[in-house]
C-alpha atoms as a PDB file:
ATOM      1  CA  UNK A   1      24.426  74.428 118.366  1.00  0.00           C
ATOM      2  CA  UNK A   2      25.544  71.127 118.447  1.00  0.00           C
ATOM      3  CA  UNK A   3      27.202  69.414 121.447  1.00  0.00           C
ATOM      4  CA  UNK A   4      30.171  68.786 119.517  1.00  0.00           C
ATOM      5  CA  UNK A   5      30.782  72.415 118.602  1.00  0.00           C
ATOM      6  CA  UNK A   6      30.310  73.505 122.072  1.00  0.00           C
ATOM      7  CA  UNK A   7      33.033  71.142 123.051  1.00  0.00           C
ATOM      8  CA  UNK A   8      35.259  72.545 120.383  1.00  0.00           C
ATOM      9  CA  UNK A   9      34.709  76.048 121.555  1.00  0.00           C
ATOM     10  CA  UNK A  10      35.478  74.883 125.428  1.00  0.00           C
ATOM     11  CA  UNK A  11      38.570  72.950 124.412  1.00  0.00           C
ATOM     12  CA  UNK A  12      39.754  76.048 122.126  1.00  0.00           C
ATOM     13  CA  UNK A  13      39.004  78.520 125.339  1.00  0.00           C
ATOM     14  CA  UNK A  14      41.095  76.102 127.787  1.00  0.00           C
ATOM     15  CA  UNK A  15      43.844  75.767 125.172  1.00  0.00           C
ATOM     16  CA  UNK A  16      44.364  79.665 124.618  1.00  0.00           C
ATOM     17  CA  UNK A  17      44.956  80.011 128.132  1.00  0.00           C
ATOM     18  CA  UNK A  18      48.774  80.626 128.762  1.00  0.00           C
ATOM     19  CA  UNK A  19      50.711  78.274 131.005  1.00  0.00           C
ATOM     20  CA  UNK A  20      52.785  79.891 133.896  1.00  0.00           C
ATOM     21  CA  UNK A  21      54.957  78.661 136.655  1.00  0.00           C
ATOM     22  CA  UNK A  22      52.255  79.155 139.227  1.00  0.00           C
ATOM     23  CA  UNK A  23      50.327  76.822 141.374  1.00  0.00           C
ATOM     24  CA  UNK A  24      48.596  74.030 139.210  1.00  0.00           C
ATOM     25  CA  UNK A  25      44.809  75.373 140.096  1.00  0.00           C
ATOM     26  CA  UNK A  26      46.191  79.089 138.962  1.00  0.00           C
ATOM     27  CA  UNK A  27      48.099  78.469 135.784  1.00  0.00           C
ATOM     28  CA  UNK A  28      47.098  80.334 133.008  1.00  0.00           C
ATOM     29  CA  UNK A  29      45.016  82.787 135.033  1.00  0.00           C
ATOM     30  CA  UNK A  30      45.266  86.825 134.631  1.00  0.00           C
ATOM     31  CA  UNK A  31      43.415  89.288 135.697  1.00  0.00           C
ATOM     32  CA  UNK A  32      41.399  91.038 133.009  1.00  0.00           C
ATOM     33  CA  UNK A  33      39.614  94.468 132.428  1.00  0.00           C
ATOM     34  CA  UNK A  34      35.945  94.850 132.936  1.00  0.00           C
ATOM     35  CA  UNK A  35      34.989  94.400 129.270  1.00  0.00           C
ATOM     36  CA  UNK A  36      33.947  91.210 127.782  1.00  0.00           C
ATOM     37  CA  UNK A  37      36.128  90.432 124.936  1.00  0.00           C
ATOM     38  CA  UNK A  38      33.371  88.566 123.202  1.00  0.00           C
ATOM     39  CA  UNK A  39      30.274  90.160 121.404  1.00  0.00           C
ATOM     40  CA  UNK A  40      27.121  88.366 121.747  1.00  0.00           C
ATOM     41  CA  UNK A  41      23.386  89.449 121.499  1.00  0.00           C
ATOM     42  CA  UNK A  42      22.940  92.043 123.888  1.00  0.00           C
ATOM     43  CA  UNK A  43      20.561  90.632 126.215  1.00  0.00           C
ATOM     44  CA  UNK A  44      22.867  87.726 126.484  1.00  0.00           C
ATOM     45  CA  UNK A  45      26.252  89.595 127.427  1.00  0.00           C
ATOM     46  CA  UNK A  46      24.543  91.350 130.547  1.00  0.00           C
ATOM     47  CA  UNK A  47      26.942  90.079 133.159  1.00  0.00           C
ATOM     48  CA  UNK A  48      26.782  92.559 135.940  1.00  0.00           C
ATOM     49  CA  UNK A  49      30.230  93.189 137.666  1.00  0.00           C
ATOM     50  CA  UNK A  50      30.091  93.275 141.599  1.00  0.00           C
ATOM     51  CA  UNK A  51      32.235  93.742 144.372  1.00  0.00           C
ATOM     52  CA  UNK A  52      33.509  92.186 147.603  1.00  0.00           C
ATOM     53  CA  UNK A  53      34.842  90.069 146.343  1.00  0.00           C
ATOM     54  CA  UNK A  54      35.188  91.378 142.247  1.00  0.00           C
ATOM     55  CA  UNK A  55      32.810  88.881 140.675  1.00  0.00           C
ATOM     56  CA  UNK A  56      30.746  88.359 137.473  1.00  0.00           C
ATOM     57  CA  UNK A  57      26.756  88.120 138.192  1.00  0.00           C
ATOM     58  CA  UNK A  58      23.910  87.069 136.008  1.00  0.00           C
ATOM     59  CA  UNK A  59      20.344  85.730 136.369  1.00  0.00           C
ATOM     60  CA  UNK A  60      19.248  83.233 133.955  1.00  0.00           C
ATOM     61  CA  UNK A  61      15.416  82.692 133.516  1.00  0.00           C
ATOM     62  CA  UNK A  62      13.806  79.442 131.806  1.00  0.00           C
ATOM     63  CA  UNK A  63      10.573  78.572 130.381  1.00  0.00           C
ATOM     64  CA  UNK A  64      10.251  75.307 132.453  1.00  0.00           C
ATOM     65  CA  UNK A  65      12.151  72.418 134.472  1.00  0.00           C
ATOM     66  CA  UNK A  66      13.549  70.791 131.372  1.00  0.00           C
ATOM     67  CA  UNK A  67      15.236  73.924 130.072  1.00  0.00           C
ATOM     68  CA  UNK A  68      16.479  74.595 133.540  1.00  0.00           C
ATOM     69  CA  UNK A  69      18.016  71.227 133.969  1.00  0.00           C
ATOM     70  CA  UNK A  70      19.868  70.834 130.756  1.00  0.00           C
ATOM     71  CA  UNK A  71      21.216  74.213 131.370  1.00  0.00           C
ATOM     72  CA  UNK A  72      22.480  73.202 134.581  1.00  0.00           C
ATOM     73  CA  UNK A  73      23.827  69.684 133.829  1.00  0.00           C
ATOM     74  CA  UNK A  74      25.741  71.188 130.575  1.00  0.00           C
ATOM     75  CA  UNK A  75      27.240  74.133 132.645  1.00  0.00           C
ATOM     76  CA  UNK A  76      28.348  71.631 135.672  1.00  0.00           C
ATOM     77  CA  UNK A  77      29.994  69.358 132.955  1.00  0.00           C
ATOM     78  CA  UNK A  78      32.038  72.270 131.205  1.00  0.00           C
ATOM     79  CA  UNK A  79      33.010  73.514 134.575  1.00  0.00           C
ATOM     80  CA  UNK A  80      34.524  69.924 135.496  1.00  0.00           C
ATOM     81  CA  UNK A  81      36.372  70.314 132.456  1.00  0.00           C
ATOM     82  CA  UNK A  82      37.894  73.573 132.925  1.00  0.00           C
ATOM     83  CA  UNK A  83      38.512  72.772 136.708  1.00  0.00           C
ATOM     84  CA  UNK A  84      36.751  76.299 137.603  1.00  0.00           C
ATOM     85  CA  UNK A  85      33.435  76.512 139.326  1.00  0.00           C
ATOM     86  CA  UNK A  86      31.098  79.203 139.645  1.00  0.00           C
ATOM     87  CA  UNK A  87      28.467  79.548 142.446  1.00  0.00           C
ATOM     88  CA  UNK A  88      25.124  78.596 141.222  1.00  0.00           C
ATOM     89  CA  UNK A  89      21.764  79.259 143.244  1.00  0.00           C
ATOM     90  CA  UNK A  90      18.318  77.376 141.802  1.00  0.00           C
ATOM     91  CA  UNK A  91      15.265  79.417 142.475  1.00  0.00           C
ATOM     92  CA  UNK A  92      12.218  77.816 140.702  1.00  0.00           C
ATOM     93  CA  UNK A  93      12.890  78.512 136.902  1.00  0.00           C
ATOM     94  CA  UNK A  94      16.089  81.046 137.607  1.00  0.00           C
ATOM     95  CA  UNK A  95      19.578  80.273 138.109  1.00  0.00           C
ATOM     96  CA  UNK A  96      21.812  83.054 139.654  1.00  0.00           C
ATOM     97  CA  UNK A  97      25.355  82.317 138.639  1.00  0.00           C
ATOM     98  CA  UNK A  98      28.188  84.133 140.308  1.00  0.00           C
ATOM     99  CA  UNK A  99      31.770  83.782 138.701  1.00  0.00           C
ATOM    100  CA  UNK A 100      35.283  84.660 140.305  1.00  0.00           C
ATOM    101  CA  UNK A 101      38.531  83.260 140.677  1.00  0.00           C
ATOM    102  CA  UNK A 102      38.338  82.229 144.621  1.00  0.00           C
ATOM    103  CA  UNK A 103      41.734  82.007 145.480  1.00  0.00           C
ATOM    104  CA  UNK A 104      42.163  85.599 144.036  1.00  0.00           C
ATOM    105  CA  UNK A 105      38.922  87.358 145.002  1.00  0.00           C
ATOM    106  CA  UNK A 106      38.626  88.745 141.615  1.00  0.00           C
ATOM    107  CA  UNK A 107      37.600  88.026 138.026  1.00  0.00           C
ATOM    108  CA  UNK A 108      40.350  86.703 135.796  1.00  0.00           C
ATOM    109  CA  UNK A 109      40.477  85.436 131.949  1.00  0.00           C
ATOM    110  CA  UNK A 110      38.875  82.048 132.935  1.00  0.00           C
ATOM    111  CA  UNK A 111      36.081  83.456 134.291  1.00  0.00           C
ATOM    112  CA  UNK A 112      35.232  85.388 131.331  1.00  0.00           C
ATOM    113  CA  UNK A 113      35.804  82.305 129.538  1.00  0.00           C
ATOM    114  CA  UNK A 114      33.198  80.315 131.845  1.00  0.00           C
ATOM    115  CA  UNK A 115      30.872  83.434 131.530  1.00  0.00           C
ATOM    116  CA  UNK A 116      30.857  82.837 127.638  1.00  0.00           C
ATOM    117  CA  UNK A 117      30.408  79.358 127.947  1.00  0.00           C
ATOM    118  CA  UNK A 118      27.212  79.975 130.262  1.00  0.00           C
ATOM    119  CA  UNK A 119      25.867  82.101 127.840  1.00  0.00           C
ATOM    120  CA  UNK A 120      26.485  79.626 124.729  1.00  0.00           C
ATOM    121  CA  UNK A 121      24.885  76.854 126.834  1.00  0.00           C
ATOM    122  CA  UNK A 122      21.947  79.027 127.751  1.00  0.00           C
ATOM    123  CA  UNK A 123      21.424  79.851 123.831  1.00  0.00           C
ATOM    124  CA  UNK A 124      22.064  76.275 123.102  1.00  0.00           C
ATOM    125  CA  UNK A 125      19.645  74.620 125.496  1.00  0.00           C
ATOM    126  CA  UNK A 126      16.631  77.259 124.921  1.00  0.00           C
ATOM    127  CA  UNK A 127      16.232  75.436 121.670  1.00  0.00           C
END
């Protein structure tokens, strides 16, 4: 997947979030069901839902430091564009990602969008 396609997907996801009269940092966020609305390769859609607070959690494994670094940099760029950030822990060739809307302590539509982007970036950077 080319970088321009990833940017187009990211822009489309952000453009489809409805605008509401809410604080700016919460605009367009809604809570969603436990199911991810996008079907991807089974091994890549395995986001675990954990509680206290309710959040999406996944561990990404990398063949080497180059893949890990590319993934981390691209995911950070997308999070900056979305103004929505995950908690990431780097442990050798693994990155543990937790995504939730901190102001609401639950999973929102934006969290699901970010999780799908993380899966796409992982697939793209593994090539």
